[in-house]
C-alpha atoms as a PDB file:
ATOM      1  CA  MET A   1      -0.001  -0.003   0.003  1.00  0.00           C
ATOM      2  CA  LYS A   2       1.104   3.525  -0.688  1.00  0.00           C
ATOM      3  CA  PHE A   3       0.449   6.321   1.797  1.00  0.00           C
ATOM      4  CA  LEU A   4       0.824  10.077   1.474  1.00  0.00           C
ATOM      5  CA  THR A   5       0.630  12.836   4.082  1.00  0.00           C
ATOM      6  CA  LEU A   6       0.575  16.592   3.547  1.00  0.00           C
ATOM      7  CA  ASN A   7      -0.051  19.669   5.627  1.00  0.00           C
ATOM      8  CA  CYS A   8      -1.808  21.476   2.808  1.00  0.00           C
ATOM      9  CA  ASN A   9      -2.113  24.834   4.634  1.00  0.00           C
ATOM     10  CA  GLY A  10      -5.599  25.200   3.227  1.00  0.00           C
ATOM     11  CA  ILE A  11      -7.043  22.535   0.926  1.00  0.00           C
ATOM     12  CA  ARG A  12      -8.488  25.182  -1.387  1.00  0.00           C
ATOM     13  CA  SER A  13      -5.117  26.867  -1.728  1.00  0.00           C
ATOM     14  CA  ALA A  14      -3.309  23.574  -2.350  1.00  0.00           C
ATOM     15  CA  SER A  15      -5.940  22.551  -4.876  1.00  0.00           C
ATOM     16  CA  SER A  16      -5.279  25.729  -6.868  1.00  0.00           C
ATOM     17  CA  LYS A  17      -1.581  24.791  -7.011  1.00  0.00           C
ATOM     18  CA  GLY A  18      -1.953  21.263  -8.408  1.00  0.00           C
ATOM     19  CA  LEU A  19      -3.052  19.047  -5.503  1.00  0.00           C
ATOM     20  CA  LEU A  20      -5.343  16.912  -7.632  1.00  0.00           C
ATOM     21  CA  ASP A  21      -2.610  16.333 -10.222  1.00  0.00           C
ATOM     22  CA  LEU A  22      -0.226  15.281  -7.471  1.00  0.00           C
ATOM     23  CA  ILE A  23      -2.639  12.633  -6.179  1.00  0.00           C
ATOM     24  CA  ARG A  24      -3.228  11.373  -9.700  1.00  0.00           C
ATOM     25  CA  LYS A  25       0.521  11.079 -10.224  1.00  0.00           C
ATOM     26  CA  GLU A  26       1.415   9.485  -6.876  1.00  0.00           C
ATOM     27  CA  LYS A  27      -1.650   7.170  -6.770  1.00  0.00           C
ATOM     28  CA  PRO A  28      -1.704   6.617  -2.999  1.00  0.00           C
ATOM     29  CA  ASP A  29      -4.055   4.027  -1.550  1.00  0.00           C
ATOM     30  CA  VAL A  30      -4.506   6.245   1.499  1.00  0.00           C
ATOM     31  CA  PHE A  31      -3.682   9.938   1.839  1.00  0.00           C
ATOM     32  CA  ALA A  32      -4.002  12.319   4.751  1.00  0.00           C
ATOM     33  CA  PHE A  33      -4.185  16.087   4.990  1.00  0.00           C
ATOM     34  CA  GLN A  34      -3.619  18.431   7.901  1.00  0.00           C
ATOM     35  CA  GLU A  35      -4.666  22.072   8.087  1.00  0.00           C
ATOM     36  CA  THR A  36      -7.504  21.680   5.616  1.00  0.00           C
ATOM     37  CA  LYS A  37      -8.923  25.015   6.897  1.00  0.00           C
ATOM     38  CA  ALA A  38     -12.234  24.372   5.158  1.00  0.00           C
ATOM     39  CA  PRO A  39     -15.790  23.128   5.718  1.00  0.00           C
ATOM     40  CA  LEU A  40     -16.758  19.587   4.825  1.00  0.00           C
ATOM     41  CA  SER A  41     -18.229  20.714   1.501  1.00  0.00           C
ATOM     42  CA  GLU A  42     -14.803  21.909   0.367  1.00  0.00           C
ATOM     43  CA  ILE A  43     -13.064  18.691   1.454  1.00  0.00           C
ATOM     44  CA  GLN A  44     -15.414  16.007   0.213  1.00  0.00           C
ATOM     45  CA  LYS A  45     -15.424  17.156  -3.412  1.00  0.00           C
ATOM     46  CA  PRO A  46     -16.925  14.817  -6.051  1.00  0.00           C
ATOM     47  CA  HIS A  47     -13.577  14.334  -7.836  1.00  0.00           C
ATOM     48  CA  TRP A  48     -12.175  12.359  -4.900  1.00  0.00           C
ATOM     49  CA  ALA A  49     -15.094   9.907  -4.994  1.00  0.00           C
ATOM     50  CA  GLU A  50     -14.756   9.678  -8.781  1.00  0.00           C
ATOM     51  CA  MET A  51     -11.127   8.612  -8.236  1.00  0.00           C
ATOM     52  CA  GLY A  52     -12.292   5.857  -5.896  1.00  0.00           C
ATOM     53  CA  TYR A  53     -11.618   7.468  -2.522  1.00  0.00           C
ATOM     54  CA  GLU A  54     -13.880   7.515   0.503  1.00  0.00           C
ATOM     55  CA  SER A  55     -13.156  10.451   2.798  1.00  0.00           C
ATOM     56  CA  TYR A  56     -13.383  11.203   6.511  1.00  0.00           C
ATOM     57  CA  ALA A  57     -12.735  14.641   8.011  1.00  0.00           C
ATOM     58  CA  CYS A  58     -12.434  16.260  11.396  1.00  0.00           C
ATOM     59  CA  ILE A  59     -13.383  19.953  11.237  1.00  0.00           C
ATOM     60  CA  ALA A  60     -12.338  22.495  13.864  1.00  0.00           C
ATOM     61  CA  GLU A  61     -15.044  24.395  15.705  1.00  0.00           C
ATOM     62  CA  LYS A  62     -13.323  27.638  14.687  1.00  0.00           C
ATOM     63  CA  PRO A  63     -14.013  28.259  10.977  1.00  0.00           C
ATOM     64  CA  GLY A  64     -10.975  28.302   8.710  1.00  0.00           C
ATOM     65  CA  TYR A  65      -8.710  26.781  11.365  1.00  0.00           C
ATOM     66  CA  SER A  66      -6.792  23.508  11.496  1.00  0.00           C
ATOM     67  CA  GLY A  67      -8.749  20.434  10.340  1.00  0.00           C
ATOM     68  CA  VAL A  68      -7.619  17.000   9.118  1.00  0.00           C
ATOM     69  CA  ALA A  69      -8.924  14.540   6.552  1.00  0.00           C
ATOM     70  CA  VAL A  70      -8.177  11.007   5.338  1.00  0.00           C
ATOM     71  CA  PHE A  71      -8.991   9.642   1.880  1.00  0.00           C
ATOM     72  CA  THR A  72      -8.889   5.886   1.373  1.00  0.00           C
ATOM     73  CA  LYS A  73      -9.524   3.412  -1.418  1.00  0.00           C
ATOM     74  CA  GLU A  74      -9.811   0.466   0.973  1.00  0.00           C
ATOM     75  CA  LYS A  75     -12.872   0.705   3.184  1.00  0.00           C
ATOM     76  CA  PRO A  76     -11.879   0.651   6.873  1.00  0.00           C
ATOM     77  CA  LYS A  77     -13.575  -1.541   9.460  1.00  0.00           C
ATOM     78  CA  SER A  78     -14.194   1.497  11.662  1.00  0.00           C
ATOM     79  CA  VAL A  79     -13.535   5.237  11.780  1.00  0.00           C
ATOM     80  CA  GLU A  80     -13.277   7.588  14.737  1.00  0.00           C
ATOM     81  CA  VAL A  81     -13.349  11.264  13.855  1.00  0.00           C
ATOM     82  CA  GLY A  82     -11.753  13.303  16.633  1.00  0.00           C
ATOM     83  CA  TYR A  83     -10.203  10.257  18.293  1.00  0.00           C
ATOM     84  CA  GLY A  84      -8.881  11.410  21.652  1.00  0.00           C
ATOM     85  CA  GLY A  85     -11.556  14.015  22.313  1.00  0.00           C
ATOM     86  CA  GLY A  86     -10.677  17.444  23.701  1.00  0.00           C
ATOM     87  CA  ILE A  87      -8.736  19.518  21.182  1.00  0.00           C
ATOM     88  CA  PHE A  88      -8.204  16.371  19.110  1.00  0.00           C
ATOM     89  CA  LEU A  89     -11.868  16.922  18.214  1.00  0.00           C
ATOM     90  CA  SER A  90     -12.613  20.613  18.857  1.00  0.00           C
ATOM     91  CA  GLU A  91      -9.550  21.834  16.954  1.00  0.00           C
ATOM     92  CA  GLY A  92      -9.925  19.249  14.187  1.00  0.00           C
ATOM     93  CA  ARG A  93      -6.695  17.347  14.820  1.00  0.00           C
ATOM     94  CA  SER A  94      -7.450  13.624  14.605  1.00  0.00           C
ATOM     95  CA  VAL A  95      -8.978  10.940  12.390  1.00  0.00           C
ATOM     96  CA  LEU A  96      -8.412   7.263  13.222  1.00  0.00           C
ATOM     97  CA  LEU A  97      -9.118   4.433  10.795  1.00  0.00           C
ATOM     98  CA  GLU A  98      -8.943   0.765  11.708  1.00  0.00           C
ATOM     99  CA  TYR A  99      -8.426  -1.763   8.941  1.00  0.00           C
ATOM    100  CA  SER A 100      -8.375  -5.547   9.201  1.00  0.00           C
ATOM    101  CA  ASN A 101      -4.582  -5.708   9.497  1.00  0.00           C
ATOM    102  CA  PHE A 102      -3.441  -2.254  10.729  1.00  0.00           C
ATOM    103  CA  ILE A 103      -4.509   1.020  12.330  1.00  0.00           C
ATOM    104  CA  PHE A 104      -3.993   4.390  10.613  1.00  0.00           C
ATOM    105  CA  TRP A 105      -4.047   7.623  12.596  1.00  0.00           C
ATOM    106  CA  ASN A 106      -3.821  11.070  11.003  1.00  0.00           C
ATOM    107  CA  ILE A 107      -2.833  13.711  13.597  1.00  0.00           C
ATOM    108  CA  TYR A 108      -2.086  17.402  13.403  1.00  0.00           C
ATOM    109  CA  PHE A 109       0.023  18.263  16.444  1.00  0.00           C
ATOM    110  CA  PRO A 110      -0.269  21.776  17.893  1.00  0.00           C
ATOM    111  CA  SER A 111       2.411  24.375  17.366  1.00  0.00           C
ATOM    112  CA  GLY A 112       3.870  26.243  20.315  1.00  0.00           C
ATOM    113  CA  THR A 113       5.243  29.164  18.366  1.00  0.00           C
ATOM    114  CA  SER A 114       2.558  31.639  19.437  1.00  0.00           C
ATOM    115  CA  GLY A 115       3.535  31.658  23.114  1.00  0.00           C
ATOM    116  CA  GLU A 116       3.829  29.838  26.419  1.00  0.00           C
ATOM    117  CA  GLU A 117       0.135  28.984  26.659  1.00  0.00           C
ATOM    118  CA  ARG A 118       0.110  27.089  23.365  1.00  0.00           C
ATOM    119  CA  GLN A 119       3.453  25.460  24.191  1.00  0.00           C
ATOM    120  CA  LYS A 120       1.885  24.147  27.393  1.00  0.00           C
ATOM    121  CA  ILE A 121      -1.056  22.818  25.371  1.00  0.00           C
ATOM    122  CA  LYS A 122       1.429  21.178  23.000  1.00  0.00           C
ATOM    123  CA  TYR A 123       3.112  19.317  25.874  1.00  0.00           C
ATOM    124  CA  GLU A 124      -0.287  18.182  27.184  1.00  0.00           C
ATOM    125  CA  PHE A 125      -1.143  16.978  23.678  1.00  0.00           C
ATOM    126  CA  LEU A 126       2.096  14.978  23.489  1.00  0.00           C
ATOM    127  CA  ASN A 127       1.340  13.321  26.824  1.00  0.00           C
ATOM    128  CA  GLU A 128      -2.149  12.457  25.643  1.00  0.00           C
ATOM    129  CA  VAL A 129      -0.776  10.924  22.435  1.00  0.00           C
ATOM    130  CA  ASP A 130       1.381   8.656  24.608  1.00  0.00           C
ATOM    131  CA  GLU A 131      -1.661   7.437  26.542  1.00  0.00           C
ATOM    132  CA  LEU A 132      -3.792   6.966  23.428  1.00  0.00           C
ATOM    133  CA  VAL A 133      -1.050   4.985  21.700  1.00  0.00           C
ATOM    134  CA  LYS A 134      -0.833   2.664  24.712  1.00  0.00           C
ATOM    135  CA  LYS A 135      -4.548   1.917  24.247  1.00  0.00           C
ATOM    136  CA  LEU A 136      -4.153   1.337  20.514  1.00  0.00           C
ATOM    137  CA  LYS A 137      -1.265  -1.073  21.049  1.00  0.00           C
ATOM    138  CA  LYS A 138      -3.616  -3.312  23.001  1.00  0.00           C
ATOM    139  CA  LYS A 139      -5.415  -4.072  19.749  1.00  0.00           C
ATOM    140  CA  LYS A 140      -2.343  -6.077  18.673  1.00  0.00           C
ATOM    141  CA  LYS A 141      -2.273  -4.556  15.194  1.00  0.00           C
ATOM    142  CA  PRO A 142       0.493  -2.505  13.587  1.00  0.00           C
ATOM    143  CA  LEU A 143      -0.097   1.214  14.113  1.00  0.00           C
ATOM    144  CA  LEU A 144       0.824   3.808  11.487  1.00  0.00           C
ATOM    145  CA  ILE A 145       0.644   7.458  12.592  1.00  0.00           C
ATOM    146  CA  CYS A 146       1.091  10.253  10.062  1.00  0.00           C
ATOM    147  CA  GLY A 147       0.949  13.996  10.142  1.00  0.00           C
ATOM    148  CA  ASP A 148       2.551  17.299  10.946  1.00  0.00           C
ATOM    149  CA  VAL A 149       4.170  16.646  14.339  1.00  0.00           C
ATOM    150  CA  ASN A 150       5.645  20.156  14.587  1.00  0.00           C
ATOM    151  CA  ILE A 151       8.903  18.721  15.983  1.00  0.00           C
ATOM    152  CA  ALA A 152      12.241  18.285  14.231  1.00  0.00           C
ATOM    153  CA  HIS A 153      13.739  15.342  16.076  1.00  0.00           C
ATOM    154  CA  LYS A 154      17.490  15.501  15.486  1.00  0.00           C
ATOM    155  CA  GLU A 155      20.053  17.977  14.205  1.00  0.00           C
ATOM    156  CA  ILE A 156      19.974  16.214  10.825  1.00  0.00           C
ATOM    157  CA  ASP A 157      16.294  17.185  10.573  1.00  0.00           C
ATOM    158  CA  ILE A 158      16.795  20.965  10.658  1.00  0.00           C
ATOM    159  CA  HIS A 159      18.937  23.374   8.670  1.00  0.00           C
ATOM    160  CA  ASN A 160      20.289  25.388  11.617  1.00  0.00           C
ATOM    161  CA  PRO A 161      20.178  23.344  14.813  1.00  0.00           C
ATOM    162  CA  LYS A 162      22.228  25.728  16.934  1.00  0.00           C
ATOM    163  CA  GLY A 163      20.197  28.745  15.902  1.00  0.00           C
ATOM    164  CA  ASN A 164      16.889  26.994  16.605  1.00  0.00           C
ATOM    165  CA  GLU A 165      17.567  25.172  19.867  1.00  0.00           C
ATOM    166  CA  LYS A 166      15.435  27.666  21.812  1.00  0.00           C
ATOM    167  CA  ASN A 167      12.595  27.726  19.291  1.00  0.00           C
ATOM    168  CA  SER A 168       9.385  25.741  19.589  1.00  0.00           C
ATOM    169  CA  GLY A 169       9.616  22.708  17.367  1.00  0.00           C
ATOM    170  CA  PHE A 170      13.248  22.042  18.288  1.00  0.00           C
ATOM    171  CA  LEU A 171      13.203  22.484  22.052  1.00  0.00           C
ATOM    172  CA  PRO A 172      15.091  19.873  24.083  1.00  0.00           C
ATOM    173  CA  GLU A 173      11.864  18.785  25.810  1.00  0.00           C
ATOM    174  CA  GLU A 174      10.091  18.231  22.488  1.00  0.00           C
ATOM    175  CA  ARG A 175      13.004  16.293  21.018  1.00  0.00           C
ATOM    176  CA  ALA A 176      13.223  14.198  24.199  1.00  0.00           C
ATOM    177  CA  TRP A 177       9.534  13.342  23.841  1.00  0.00           C
ATOM    178  CA  MET A 178      10.169  12.140  20.292  1.00  0.00           C
ATOM    179  CA  THR A 179      13.105  10.020  21.443  1.00  0.00           C
ATOM    180  CA  ARG A 180      11.028   8.422  24.203  1.00  0.00           C
ATOM    181  CA  PHE A 181       8.138   7.869  21.822  1.00  0.00           C
ATOM    182  CA  LEU A 182      10.334   6.004  19.354  1.00  0.00           C
ATOM    183  CA  GLU A 183      11.978   4.005  22.116  1.00  0.00           C
ATOM    184  CA  SER A 184       8.514   2.827  23.215  1.00  0.00           C
ATOM    185  CA  GLY A 185       8.358   0.547  20.177  1.00  0.00           C
ATOM    186  CA  MET A 186       7.793   2.962  17.272  1.00  0.00           C
ATOM    187  CA  ILE A 187       9.930   3.877  14.262  1.00  0.00           C
ATOM    188  CA  ASP A 188      10.468   6.981  12.160  1.00  0.00           C
ATOM    189  CA  CYS A 189       9.721   5.315   8.822  1.00  0.00           C
ATOM    190  CA  PHE A 190      11.461   7.902   6.652  1.00  0.00           C
ATOM    191  CA  ARG A 191      14.675   7.770   8.700  1.00  0.00           C
ATOM    192  CA  GLU A 192      14.704   3.983   8.532  1.00  0.00           C
ATOM    193  CA  ILE A 193      15.008   4.271   4.760  1.00  0.00           C
ATOM    194  CA  HIS A 194      17.252   7.373   4.747  1.00  0.00           C
ATOM    195  CA  PRO A 195      19.259   7.128   7.987  1.00  0.00           C
ATOM    196  CA  ASP A 196      22.085   9.494   7.091  1.00  0.00           C
ATOM    197  CA  LYS A 197      20.781  11.713   4.301  1.00  0.00           C
ATOM    198  CA  LYS A 198      21.010  15.404   5.120  1.00  0.00           C
ATOM    199  CA  ASP A 199      19.118  18.427   3.785  1.00  0.00           C
ATOM    200  CA  LEU A 200      15.855  16.481   3.477  1.00  0.00           C
ATOM    201  CA  TYR A 201      13.092  18.704   4.823  1.00  0.00           C
ATOM    202  CA  SER A 202       9.301  18.853   4.680  1.00  0.00           C
ATOM    203  CA  TRP A 203       8.613  22.441   5.815  1.00  0.00           C
ATOM    204  CA  TRP A 204      10.065  25.849   5.011  1.00  0.00           C
ATOM    205  CA  THR A 205       9.008  29.235   6.289  1.00  0.00           C
ATOM    206  CA  TYR A 206       7.592  31.534   3.606  1.00  0.00           C
ATOM    207  CA  ARG A 207      10.144  34.143   4.682  1.00  0.00           C
ATOM    208  CA  PHE A 208      13.744  34.692   3.606  1.00  0.00           C
ATOM    209  CA  GLN A 209      13.428  32.540   0.448  1.00  0.00           C
ATOM    210  CA  ALA A 210      13.811  29.565   2.771  1.00  0.00           C
ATOM    211  CA  ARG A 211      12.471  26.975   0.322  1.00  0.00           C
ATOM    212  CA  LYS A 212      14.620  28.231  -2.529  1.00  0.00           C
ATOM    213  CA  ASN A 213      17.683  27.976  -0.286  1.00  0.00           C
ATOM    214  CA  ASN A 214      16.475  24.719   1.328  1.00  0.00           C
ATOM    215  CA  LYS A 215      16.580  26.129   4.852  1.00  0.00           C
ATOM    216  CA  GLY A 216      13.916  23.833   6.206  1.00  0.00           C
ATOM    217  CA  TRP A 217      12.748  21.490   8.931  1.00  0.00           C
ATOM    218  CA  ARG A 218      11.593  17.866   8.719  1.00  0.00           C
ATOM    219  CA  ILE A 219       8.466  17.918  10.874  1.00  0.00           C
ATOM    220  CA  ASP A 220       6.068  15.723   8.851  1.00  0.00           C
ATOM    221  CA  TYR A 221       6.261  12.039   9.683  1.00  0.00           C
ATOM    222  CA  PHE A 222       5.115   8.503   9.316  1.00  0.00           C
ATOM    223  CA  LEU A 223       5.604   6.908  12.726  1.00  0.00           C
ATOM    224  CA  GLY A 224       4.958   3.182  12.738  1.00  0.00           C
ATOM    225  CA  SER A 225       4.999   0.169  14.993  1.00  0.00           C
ATOM    226  CA  LYS A 226       8.397  -1.529  14.969  1.00  0.00           C
ATOM    227  CA  SER A 227       6.741  -4.617  13.463  1.00  0.00           C
ATOM    228  CA  LEU A 228       6.315  -2.625  10.228  1.00  0.00           C
ATOM    229  CA  LEU A 229      10.057  -2.181   9.743  1.00  0.00           C
ATOM    230  CA  PRO A 230      10.649  -5.200   7.472  1.00  0.00           C
ATOM    231  CA  MET A 231       7.585  -4.253   5.423  1.00  0.00           C
ATOM    232  CA  ILE A 232       8.718  -0.694   4.510  1.00  0.00           C
ATOM    233  CA  LYS A 233       9.758  -0.490   0.866  1.00  0.00           C
ATOM    234  CA  LYS A 234      10.058   3.206   0.055  1.00  0.00           C
ATOM    235  CA  ALA A 235       9.818   6.619   1.727  1.00  0.00           C
ATOM    236  CA  ASN A 236      10.082   9.922  -0.051  1.00  0.00           C
ATOM    237  CA  ILE A 237       9.576  13.685   0.244  1.00  0.00           C
ATOM    238  CA  VAL A 238       7.909  15.126  -2.873  1.00  0.00           C
ATOM    239  CA  ASN A 239       9.346  18.606  -3.377  1.00  0.00           C
ATOM    240  CA  GLU A 240       7.504  19.536  -6.562  1.00  0.00           C
ATOM    241  CA  PRO A 241       5.037  21.023  -7.092  1.00  0.00           C
ATOM    242  CA  ALA A 242       5.085  23.426  -4.138  1.00  0.00           C
ATOM    243  CA  LEU A 243       1.531  23.029  -2.843  1.00  0.00           C
ATOM    244  CA  SER A 244       2.022  24.734   0.521  1.00  0.00           C
ATOM    245  CA  ASP A 245       4.829  25.592   2.942  1.00  0.00           C
ATOM    246  CA  HIS A 246       5.024  21.820   3.563  1.00  0.00           C
ATOM    247  CA  ALA A 247       5.952  19.049   1.133  1.00  0.00           C
ATOM    248  CA  PRO A 248       4.088  15.749   0.822  1.00  0.00           C
ATOM    249  CA  VAL A 249       5.718  12.690   2.344  1.00  0.00           C
ATOM    250  CA  THR A 250       5.063   9.244   0.837  1.00  0.00           C
ATOM    251  CA  LEU A 251       5.504   5.752   2.278  1.00  0.00           C
ATOM    252  CA  GLU A 252       5.135   2.336   0.674  1.00  0.00           C
ATOM    253  CA  ILE A 253       4.502  -0.746   2.816  1.00  0.00           C
ATOM    254  CA  GLN A 254       4.204  -4.364   1.697  1.00  0.00           C
ATOM    255  CA  PHE A 255       1.868  -5.838   4.282  1.00  0.00           C
ATOM    256  CA  THR A 256       2.288  -9.555   4.929  1.00  0.00           C
END
């Protein structure tokens, strides 16, 4: 199966820049968006159904804010929109799909860049993810989490580690959470395929010609159960076309 994740920074904006053509080219079996920033009517467009996808979306209570969606060709056994409750639901951050042989969870993690209050919410969100993952592991199925995690894990994942060590998204506490999360039995699927490759990023600020100069961060992930490791075939960051300030990330898994 082929998976794709993208923080589209507005599905209408990304659609105007070639989103539909990208999906036609990549042909994912399942794809996930974060920051859809749109009502359901703008997400569940007829062209997706015509291409064979069924869609599920979690819309934020605040119009034009956040929002996630999953599009799938294989019908899941069950779907939980807003899995986790709280801001997972109210801020449109979570859609969980359970299939016969794996669980797929699309999450948009909060950013802490706007101040201490949101950074505190981010830490609470990370703790809640830990607890929710413990529950999902009890189902005894491989778990695949995707989305904008808003954390660059290691120095290799950011263009200027020293200059960003006090910035949200690369704080020691955030990076330590990611390390603990992976040590709990999860893997960073992209890094398993590309362990040493540098200058591979999935987000660039719109300022300072950052994308042109490749001064980016890798903050968009597929995080999978360790049991998936031998099944991973390919992982890639799709740099063109530029659909938003993020790039799509793809993953191919040969399920046994």
